[in-house]
Amino acid sequence: TSYSASCNRAADLAARYGGEEFAVVLPQLDREAAVEIAERINQATRELRVPTVHGVITATVSIGLVHITSLGQHQSLDALLQHADQALYDAKTSGRDRFKARLW
């Protein structure tokens, strides 16, 4: 898939998170590299052509990107997920087929 092909380091992880949502975890990656991967995922998804009985369909993806330097004591996984969810909501309400990044 476009997700797993864009995450090629040993520690990178792309996995389904909920019904239509995926999580991509890119540990020890700077913000610029994370943005580049988000752009790569968006482009790879746009290029997908899925054959169906009704013809070929295309897909788009909305991405909520959160960049943190480390999980400190005041930060939790729940808070990280809330920030990512808000960034995803921002991407969807801005017209979809894009990513929105939040610094944390």
Protein backbone atom coordinates (compact mmCIF):
# COMPACT_ATOMS: atom_id res chain seq x y z
CA THR A 1 0.00 0.00 0.00
CA SER A 2 1.03 3.62 -0.25
CA TYR A 3 1.29 3.82 3.54
CA SER A 4 3.72 0.96 4.05
CA ALA A 5 5.78 1.86 0.97
CA SER A 6 6.34 5.34 2.40
CA CYS A 7 7.54 4.01 5.75
CA ASN A 8 10.69 2.10 5.01
CA ARG A 9 12.87 2.34 8.12
CA ALA A 10 12.92 -0.63 10.49
CA ALA A 11 11.22 1.32 13.31
CA ASP A 12 8.50 2.88 11.12
CA LEU A 13 5.01 1.50 11.55
CA ALA A 14 1.88 1.85 9.43
CA ALA A 15 -1.26 0.21 10.81
CA ARG A 16 -5.04 0.44 10.63
CA TYR A 17 -6.43 2.47 13.52
CA GLY A 18 -10.20 2.30 13.48
CA GLY A 19 -12.48 1.73 10.53
CA GLU A 20 -11.17 4.16 7.93
CA GLU A 21 -8.18 5.52 9.81
CA PHE A 22 -4.54 4.54 9.80
CA ALA A 23 -1.71 5.48 12.10
CA VAL A 24 1.80 6.01 10.82
CA VAL A 25 4.44 6.16 13.56
CA LEU A 26 7.81 7.56 12.52
CA PRO A 27 10.09 7.60 15.58
CA GLN A 28 13.13 9.87 15.70
CA LEU A 29 12.26 11.76 12.56
CA ASP A 30 12.48 15.53 12.18
CA ARG A 31 9.45 17.57 11.17
CA GLU A 32 10.64 18.23 7.62
CA ALA A 33 11.13 14.51 6.93
CA ALA A 34 7.69 13.72 8.42
CA VAL A 35 6.09 16.34 6.16
CA GLU A 36 7.89 14.83 3.17
CA ILE A 37 6.50 11.39 4.02
CA ALA A 38 2.98 12.82 4.44
CA GLU A 39 3.29 14.39 1.00
CA ARG A 40 4.56 11.09 -0.43
CA ILE A 41 1.59 9.21 1.06
CA ASN A 42 -0.84 11.78 -0.36
CA GLN A 43 0.73 11.53 -3.83
CA ALA A 44 0.87 7.72 -3.82
CA THR A 45 -2.79 7.57 -2.80
CA ARG A 46 -3.81 9.99 -5.57
CA GLU A 47 -2.04 7.74 -8.09
CA LEU A 48 -3.96 4.62 -7.00
CA ARG A 49 -6.39 3.28 -9.56
CA VAL A 50 -8.81 0.70 -8.15
CA PRO A 51 -10.73 -1.38 -10.71
CA THR A 52 -14.35 -2.14 -9.84
CA VAL A 53 -17.26 -3.58 -11.76
CA HIS A 54 -18.41 0.02 -12.31
CA GLY A 55 -15.06 1.24 -13.61
CA VAL A 56 -11.83 2.52 -12.11
CA ILE A 57 -12.01 4.69 -9.02
CA THR A 58 -9.39 6.92 -7.47
CA ALA A 59 -8.75 7.67 -3.82
CA THR A 60 -7.57 10.55 -1.70
CA VAL A 61 -6.33 10.75 1.86
CA SER A 62 -6.53 13.34 4.61
CA ILE A 63 -3.65 13.28 7.09
CA GLY A 64 -3.33 14.72 10.58
CA LEU A 65 0.37 15.00 11.39
CA VAL A 66 1.71 15.64 14.89
CA HIS A 67 5.41 16.15 15.52
CA ILE A 68 6.82 15.83 19.02
CA THR A 69 10.41 15.62 20.20
CA SER A 70 9.72 13.19 23.05
CA LEU A 71 6.90 11.99 25.28
CA GLY A 72 7.58 13.83 28.51
CA GLN A 73 5.88 13.26 31.83
CA HIS A 74 3.21 15.88 31.05
CA GLN A 75 2.42 14.25 27.71
CA SER A 76 0.42 11.08 27.26
CA LEU A 77 -0.51 8.80 24.41
CA ASP A 78 -4.13 9.95 24.79
CA ALA A 79 -3.07 13.58 24.40
CA LEU A 80 -0.97 12.69 21.36
CA LEU A 81 -3.95 10.95 19.77
CA GLN A 82 -6.16 13.96 20.53
CA HIS A 83 -3.67 16.27 18.77
CA ALA A 84 -3.48 13.91 15.78
CA ASP A 85 -7.27 13.67 15.64
CA GLN A 86 -7.57 17.47 15.69
CA ALA A 87 -5.01 17.77 12.88
CA LEU A 88 -6.96 15.17 10.87
CA TYR A 89 -10.19 17.10 11.48
CA ASP A 90 -8.41 20.28 10.28
CA ALA A 91 -7.32 18.48 7.09
CA LYS A 92 -10.83 17.20 6.41
CA THR A 93 -12.53 20.55 7.01
CA SER A 94 -9.94 22.31 4.82
CA GLY A 95 -11.04 20.39 1.76
CA ARG A 96 -9.67 16.86 2.24
CA ASP A 97 -6.90 15.33 0.09
CA ARG A 98 -4.24 17.10 2.16
CA PHE A 99 -2.39 16.99 5.42
CA LYS A 100 -2.38 19.38 8.33
CA ALA A 101 0.50 19.43 10.79
CA ARG A 102 0.44 20.37 14.45
CA LEU A 103 3.51 20.91 16.59
CA TRP A 104 3.43 19.58 20.12
